[in-house]
């Protein structure tokens, strides 16, 4: 399998963390890929019409995108404990947490794109609106932090990758100061080998 890959992408990181946790990382051939919101790549479009990473090209030529689909597919390939719970409350909790983490990432990345616009084209109200989403989501996670515990599933993986992305691109936000319980949970989760191996770069 070939994975369209960027070491700076938190969505790619989700896939790699799951692959490492399930022992599947060695089956992925990482294809370094650069994408830009203003210069769409036709080469990437051949594998993902949304022109984003990650995209997973299967051995039969079929392509899967984006991270929730790729992660669930990979989770179907191994015989160990599943990171997408099969049913019941655990499944809905994991999927809800995944949505919350992905929502933080969506808003943070839109904020970053807005921030790199040329002077005169930036919209401060847009930035504030997106970062409000990030902050309200962090407040919800702080309320839930005691329940995260040692759980490792698609929900906690996504939350961990979201918090790591904030450290990577929004260090000045200092999210730990207002969210001590979440910060304590993340300190433990970020120490997992899968997280340490996938710290964003670039």
C-alpha atoms as a PDB file:
ATOM      1  CA  UNK A   1       0.000   0.000   0.000  1.00  0.00           C
ATOM      2  CA  UNK A   2       1.202   3.498  -0.796  1.00  0.00           C
ATOM      3  CA  UNK A   3       0.435   6.415   1.513  1.00  0.00           C
ATOM      4  CA  UNK A   4       0.518   9.979   0.242  1.00  0.00           C
ATOM      5  CA  UNK A   5       2.492  11.468   3.081  1.00  0.00           C
ATOM      6  CA  UNK A   6       3.577  14.780   4.606  1.00  0.00           C
ATOM      7  CA  UNK A   7       5.383  14.848   7.979  1.00  0.00           C
ATOM      8  CA  UNK A   8       3.684  18.161   8.837  1.00  0.00           C
ATOM      9  CA  UNK A   9       0.122  16.937   8.306  1.00  0.00           C
ATOM     10  CA  UNK A  10      -1.794  16.025  11.469  1.00  0.00           C
ATOM     11  CA  UNK A  11      -4.176  13.917   9.391  1.00  0.00           C
ATOM     12  CA  UNK A  12      -1.259  11.895   8.051  1.00  0.00           C
ATOM     13  CA  UNK A  13      -0.035  11.632  11.630  1.00  0.00           C
ATOM     14  CA  UNK A  14      -3.360  10.065  12.643  1.00  0.00           C
ATOM     15  CA  UNK A  15      -2.873   7.371  10.038  1.00  0.00           C
ATOM     16  CA  UNK A  16       0.720   6.712  11.037  1.00  0.00           C
ATOM     17  CA  UNK A  17      -0.062   6.567  14.766  1.00  0.00           C
ATOM     18  CA  UNK A  18      -2.803   4.035  14.105  1.00  0.00           C
ATOM     19  CA  UNK A  19      -0.518   2.059  11.785  1.00  0.00           C
ATOM     20  CA  UNK A  20       2.200   1.965  14.421  1.00  0.00           C
ATOM     21  CA  UNK A  21      -0.220   0.996  17.181  1.00  0.00           C
ATOM     22  CA  UNK A  22      -1.566  -1.893  15.082  1.00  0.00           C
ATOM     23  CA  UNK A  23       1.744  -3.118  13.682  1.00  0.00           C
ATOM     24  CA  UNK A  24       0.880  -2.120  10.113  1.00  0.00           C
ATOM     25  CA  UNK A  25       3.398   0.685   9.576  1.00  0.00           C
ATOM     26  CA  UNK A  26       5.801  -1.616   7.749  1.00  0.00           C
ATOM     27  CA  UNK A  27       3.150  -2.329   5.125  1.00  0.00           C
ATOM     28  CA  UNK A  28       2.900   1.339   4.129  1.00  0.00           C
ATOM     29  CA  UNK A  29       5.168   2.797   1.467  1.00  0.00           C
ATOM     30  CA  UNK A  30       5.295   6.510   2.271  1.00  0.00           C
ATOM     31  CA  UNK A  31       5.170   8.748  -0.798  1.00  0.00           C
ATOM     32  CA  UNK A  32       6.370  12.263   0.144  1.00  0.00           C
ATOM     33  CA  UNK A  33       3.715  14.675  -1.066  1.00  0.00           C
ATOM     34  CA  UNK A  34       3.430  18.449  -0.951  1.00  0.00           C
ATOM     35  CA  UNK A  35       0.039  20.117  -1.240  1.00  0.00           C
ATOM     36  CA  UNK A  36      -0.880  23.795  -1.305  1.00  0.00           C
ATOM     37  CA  UNK A  37      -4.271  25.507  -0.948  1.00  0.00           C
ATOM     38  CA  UNK A  38      -3.380  27.865  -3.794  1.00  0.00           C
ATOM     39  CA  UNK A  39      -1.454  25.573  -6.163  1.00  0.00           C
ATOM     40  CA  UNK A  40      -3.442  22.365  -6.635  1.00  0.00           C
ATOM     41  CA  UNK A  41      -1.312  19.428  -7.746  1.00  0.00           C
ATOM     42  CA  UNK A  42      -2.684  17.396 -10.638  1.00  0.00           C
ATOM     43  CA  UNK A  43      -0.347  14.593  -9.633  1.00  0.00           C
ATOM     44  CA  UNK A  44      -1.997  14.360  -6.215  1.00  0.00           C
ATOM     45  CA  UNK A  45      -5.426  14.711  -7.837  1.00  0.00           C
ATOM     46  CA  UNK A  46      -4.856  11.381  -9.589  1.00  0.00           C
ATOM     47  CA  UNK A  47      -4.948   9.685  -6.179  1.00  0.00           C
ATOM     48  CA  UNK A  48      -7.292  12.051  -4.353  1.00  0.00           C
ATOM     49  CA  UNK A  49      -9.678  14.358  -6.231  1.00  0.00           C
ATOM     50  CA  UNK A  50      -9.797  16.548  -3.114  1.00  0.00           C
ATOM     51  CA  UNK A  51      -6.038  17.145  -3.657  1.00  0.00           C
ATOM     52  CA  UNK A  52      -5.194  16.562  -0.011  1.00  0.00           C
ATOM     53  CA  UNK A  53      -3.151  14.208   2.093  1.00  0.00           C
ATOM     54  CA  UNK A  54      -3.451  11.560   3.262  1.00  0.00           C
ATOM     55  CA  UNK A  55      -4.534   9.253   0.474  1.00  0.00           C
ATOM     56  CA  UNK A  56      -3.962   5.511   0.569  1.00  0.00           C
ATOM     57  CA  UNK A  57      -3.445   3.648  -2.699  1.00  0.00           C
ATOM     58  CA  UNK A  58      -4.294  -0.014  -2.222  1.00  0.00           C
ATOM     59  CA  UNK A  59      -2.512  -2.843  -3.980  1.00  0.00           C
ATOM     60  CA  UNK A  60      -5.419  -3.219  -6.424  1.00  0.00           C
ATOM     61  CA  UNK A  61      -5.171   0.456  -7.401  1.00  0.00           C
ATOM     62  CA  UNK A  62      -8.202   1.643  -5.431  1.00  0.00           C
ATOM     63  CA  UNK A  63      -7.610   4.819  -3.421  1.00  0.00           C
ATOM     64  CA  UNK A  64      -9.037   5.655  -0.005  1.00  0.00           C
ATOM     65  CA  UNK A  65      -9.291   9.118   1.522  1.00  0.00           C
ATOM     66  CA  UNK A  66      -9.304  10.874   3.937  1.00  0.00           C
ATOM     67  CA  UNK A  67      -7.984  10.063   7.424  1.00  0.00           C
ATOM     68  CA  UNK A  68     -11.168   8.627   9.077  1.00  0.00           C
ATOM     69  CA  UNK A  69     -11.706   6.235   6.169  1.00  0.00           C
ATOM     70  CA  UNK A  70      -8.043   5.257   5.881  1.00  0.00           C
ATOM     71  CA  UNK A  71      -7.783   4.664   9.622  1.00  0.00           C
ATOM     72  CA  UNK A  72     -10.875   2.478   9.732  1.00  0.00           C
ATOM     73  CA  UNK A  73      -9.659   0.491   6.736  1.00  0.00           C
ATOM     74  CA  UNK A  74      -6.279  -0.149   8.334  1.00  0.00           C
ATOM     75  CA  UNK A  75      -7.999  -1.141  11.564  1.00  0.00           C
ATOM     76  CA  UNK A  76      -9.796  -3.886   9.619  1.00  0.00           C
ATOM     77  CA  UNK A  77      -6.505  -5.484   8.523  1.00  0.00           C
ATOM     78  CA  UNK A  78      -5.079  -6.682  11.837  1.00  0.00           C
ATOM     79  CA  UNK A  79      -6.100  -9.252  14.418  1.00  0.00           C
ATOM     80  CA  UNK A  80      -5.368  -7.255  17.543  1.00  0.00           C
ATOM     81  CA  UNK A  81      -7.587  -5.042  19.675  1.00  0.00           C
ATOM     82  CA  UNK A  82      -9.556  -2.756  17.390  1.00  0.00           C
ATOM     83  CA  UNK A  83      -9.045   1.005  17.633  1.00  0.00           C
ATOM     84  CA  UNK A  84     -12.526   1.532  16.180  1.00  0.00           C
ATOM     85  CA  UNK A  85     -14.796  -0.176  18.742  1.00  0.00           C
ATOM     86  CA  UNK A  86     -17.270  -2.397  16.929  1.00  0.00           C
ATOM     87  CA  UNK A  87     -20.482  -1.355  18.640  1.00  0.00           C
ATOM     88  CA  UNK A  88     -22.197   0.137  21.629  1.00  0.00           C
ATOM     89  CA  UNK A  89     -21.345   3.197  23.713  1.00  0.00           C
ATOM     90  CA  UNK A  90     -17.578   2.724  23.273  1.00  0.00           C
ATOM     91  CA  UNK A  91     -17.944   3.081  19.502  1.00  0.00           C
ATOM     92  CA  UNK A  92     -19.990   6.264  19.654  1.00  0.00           C
ATOM     93  CA  UNK A  93     -17.678   7.787  22.248  1.00  0.00           C
ATOM     94  CA  UNK A  94     -14.623   7.040  20.101  1.00  0.00           C
ATOM     95  CA  UNK A  95     -16.249   8.434  16.950  1.00  0.00           C
ATOM     96  CA  UNK A  96     -17.470  11.545  18.766  1.00  0.00           C
ATOM     97  CA  UNK A  97     -13.977  12.167  20.102  1.00  0.00           C
ATOM     98  CA  UNK A  98     -12.559  11.654  16.628  1.00  0.00           C
ATOM     99  CA  UNK A  99     -15.003  14.270  15.313  1.00  0.00           C
ATOM    100  CA  UNK A 100     -14.005  16.675  18.085  1.00  0.00           C
ATOM    101  CA  UNK A 101     -10.297  16.247  17.346  1.00  0.00           C
ATOM    102  CA  UNK A 102     -10.826  16.559  13.606  1.00  0.00           C
ATOM    103  CA  UNK A 103     -12.909  19.679  14.207  1.00  0.00           C
ATOM    104  CA  UNK A 104     -10.040  21.273  16.129  1.00  0.00           C
ATOM    105  CA  UNK A 105      -7.723  20.423  13.255  1.00  0.00           C
ATOM    106  CA  UNK A 106     -10.102  21.725  10.591  1.00  0.00           C
ATOM    107  CA  UNK A 107     -10.454  25.076  12.359  1.00  0.00           C
ATOM    108  CA  UNK A 108      -6.745  25.353  13.180  1.00  0.00           C
ATOM    109  CA  UNK A 109      -5.687  24.632   9.606  1.00  0.00           C
ATOM    110  CA  UNK A 110      -8.147  27.178   8.217  1.00  0.00           C
ATOM    111  CA  UNK A 111      -6.683  29.669  10.681  1.00  0.00           C
ATOM    112  CA  UNK A 112      -3.170  28.872   9.489  1.00  0.00           C
ATOM    113  CA  UNK A 113      -4.156  29.306   5.848  1.00  0.00           C
ATOM    114  CA  UNK A 114      -5.725  32.651   6.655  1.00  0.00           C
ATOM    115  CA  UNK A 115      -2.596  33.691   8.518  1.00  0.00           C
ATOM    116  CA  UNK A 116      -0.336  33.084   5.528  1.00  0.00           C
ATOM    117  CA  UNK A 117      -2.387  35.217   3.169  1.00  0.00           C
ATOM    118  CA  UNK A 118      -0.593  38.339   1.913  1.00  0.00           C
ATOM    119  CA  UNK A 119      -1.007  41.453   4.055  1.00  0.00           C
ATOM    120  CA  UNK A 120      -4.198  43.245   3.147  1.00  0.00           C
ATOM    121  CA  UNK A 121      -6.030  39.995   2.418  1.00  0.00           C
ATOM    122  CA  UNK A 122      -6.234  38.593   5.945  1.00  0.00           C
ATOM    123  CA  UNK A 123      -9.597  38.617   7.721  1.00  0.00           C
ATOM    124  CA  UNK A 124      -9.155  38.934  11.513  1.00  0.00           C
ATOM    125  CA  UNK A 125     -12.797  38.083  12.221  1.00  0.00           C
ATOM    126  CA  UNK A 126     -12.380  34.811  10.327  1.00  0.00           C
ATOM    127  CA  UNK A 127      -9.298  33.923  12.369  1.00  0.00           C
ATOM    128  CA  UNK A 128     -11.072  34.734  15.617  1.00  0.00           C
ATOM    129  CA  UNK A 129     -14.103  32.698  14.583  1.00  0.00           C
ATOM    130  CA  UNK A 130     -12.050  29.629  13.796  1.00  0.00           C
ATOM    131  CA  UNK A 131      -9.951  29.899  16.951  1.00  0.00           C
ATOM    132  CA  UNK A 132     -13.144  30.218  19.000  1.00  0.00           C
ATOM    133  CA  UNK A 133     -14.070  26.753  17.719  1.00  0.00           C
ATOM    134  CA  UNK A 134     -10.667  25.457  18.814  1.00  0.00           C
ATOM    135  CA  UNK A 135     -11.017  27.001  22.270  1.00  0.00           C
ATOM    136  CA  UNK A 136     -14.553  25.770  22.909  1.00  0.00           C
ATOM    137  CA  UNK A 137     -13.500  22.275  21.835  1.00  0.00           C
ATOM    138  CA  UNK A 138     -10.535  22.414  24.206  1.00  0.00           C
ATOM    139  CA  UNK A 139     -12.854  23.463  27.023  1.00  0.00           C
ATOM    140  CA  UNK A 140     -15.048  20.435  26.299  1.00  0.00           C
ATOM    141  CA  UNK A 141     -12.004  18.155  26.349  1.00  0.00           C
ATOM    142  CA  UNK A 142     -10.910  19.629  29.676  1.00  0.00           C
ATOM    143  CA  UNK A 143     -14.298  18.664  31.122  1.00  0.00           C
ATOM    144  CA  UNK A 144     -13.868  15.166  29.717  1.00  0.00           C
ATOM    145  CA  UNK A 145     -10.159  14.739  30.480  1.00  0.00           C
ATOM    146  CA  UNK A 146     -10.706  12.559  33.555  1.00  0.00           C
ATOM    147  CA  UNK A 147     -12.553  10.032  31.372  1.00  0.00           C
ATOM    148  CA  UNK A 148      -9.835   9.745  28.716  1.00  0.00           C
ATOM    149  CA  UNK A 149      -7.601   7.718  31.007  1.00  0.00           C
ATOM    150  CA  UNK A 150      -5.380   5.190  29.283  1.00  0.00           C
ATOM    151  CA  UNK A 151      -7.779   4.550  26.420  1.00  0.00           C
ATOM    152  CA  UNK A 152      -6.126   4.148  23.025  1.00  0.00           C
ATOM    153  CA  UNK A 153      -8.623   4.283  20.186  1.00  0.00           C
ATOM    154  CA  UNK A 154      -9.386   6.442  17.184  1.00  0.00           C
ATOM    155  CA  UNK A 155     -10.849   9.106  19.455  1.00  0.00           C
ATOM    156  CA  UNK A 156      -7.848   9.558  21.715  1.00  0.00           C
ATOM    157  CA  UNK A 157      -5.436   9.216  18.777  1.00  0.00           C
ATOM    158  CA  UNK A 158      -7.197  12.071  16.988  1.00  0.00           C
ATOM    159  CA  UNK A 159      -7.285  14.239  20.104  1.00  0.00           C
ATOM    160  CA  UNK A 160      -3.585  13.599  20.659  1.00  0.00           C
ATOM    161  CA  UNK A 161      -2.758  14.562  17.078  1.00  0.00           C
ATOM    162  CA  UNK A 162      -4.886  17.718  17.380  1.00  0.00           C
ATOM    163  CA  UNK A 163      -3.098  18.836  20.543  1.00  0.00           C
ATOM    164  CA  UNK A 164       0.251  18.065  18.937  1.00  0.00           C
ATOM    165  CA  UNK A 165      -0.689  20.220  15.967  1.00  0.00           C
ATOM    166  CA  UNK A 166      -1.536  23.132  18.255  1.00  0.00           C
ATOM    167  CA  UNK A 167       1.922  22.800  19.791  1.00  0.00           C
ATOM    168  CA  UNK A 168       3.451  22.682  16.302  1.00  0.00           C
ATOM    169  CA  UNK A 169       1.660  25.599  14.661  1.00  0.00           C
ATOM    170  CA  UNK A 170       0.050  27.572  17.508  1.00  0.00           C
ATOM    171  CA  UNK A 171       2.513  27.455  20.381  1.00  0.00           C
ATOM    172  CA  UNK A 172       1.545  30.993  21.379  1.00  0.00           C
ATOM    173  CA  UNK A 173      -1.973  29.760  22.165  1.00  0.00           C
ATOM    174  CA  UNK A 174      -0.555  28.066  25.311  1.00  0.00           C
ATOM    175  CA  UNK A 175      -3.585  25.785  25.605  1.00  0.00           C
ATOM    176  CA  UNK A 176      -2.138  23.994  28.651  1.00  0.00           C
ATOM    177  CA  UNK A 177      -2.489  27.051  30.873  1.00  0.00           C
ATOM    178  CA  UNK A 178      -6.291  26.868  30.831  1.00  0.00           C
ATOM    179  CA  UNK A 179      -6.624  23.103  30.536  1.00  0.00           C
ATOM    180  CA  UNK A 180      -4.450  21.434  33.201  1.00  0.00           C
ATOM    181  CA  UNK A 181      -6.327  18.119  33.250  1.00  0.00           C
ATOM    182  CA  UNK A 182      -6.111  17.826  29.484  1.00  0.00           C
ATOM    183  CA  UNK A 183      -2.436  18.797  29.611  1.00  0.00           C
ATOM    184  CA  UNK A 184      -1.733  16.030  32.132  1.00  0.00           C
ATOM    185  CA  UNK A 185      -3.512  13.466  29.978  1.00  0.00           C
ATOM    186  CA  UNK A 186      -1.649  14.602  26.872  1.00  0.00           C
ATOM    187  CA  UNK A 187       1.735  14.423  28.587  1.00  0.00           C
ATOM    188  CA  UNK A 188       1.122  10.729  29.176  1.00  0.00           C
ATOM    189  CA  UNK A 189      -0.397  10.019  25.766  1.00  0.00           C
ATOM    190  CA  UNK A 190       2.331  11.907  23.886  1.00  0.00           C
ATOM    191  CA  UNK A 191       4.928   9.639  25.510  1.00  0.00           C
ATOM    192  CA  UNK A 192       3.633   6.618  23.580  1.00  0.00           C
ATOM    193  CA  UNK A 193       6.205   5.381  21.039  1.00  0.00           C
ATOM    194  CA  UNK A 194       3.728   5.887  18.189  1.00  0.00           C
ATOM    195  CA  UNK A 195       3.340   9.555  19.106  1.00  0.00           C
ATOM    196  CA  UNK A 196       7.050  10.167  19.672  1.00  0.00           C
ATOM    197  CA  UNK A 197       7.869   8.628  16.298  1.00  0.00           C
ATOM    198  CA  UNK A 198       5.407  10.879  14.457  1.00  0.00           C
ATOM    199  CA  UNK A 199       6.122  14.336  15.944  1.00  0.00           C
ATOM    200  CA  UNK A 200       5.299  16.783  13.113  1.00  0.00           C
ATOM    201  CA  UNK A 201       8.137  18.332  11.153  1.00  0.00           C
ATOM    202  CA  UNK A 202       8.513  20.906   8.420  1.00  0.00           C
END
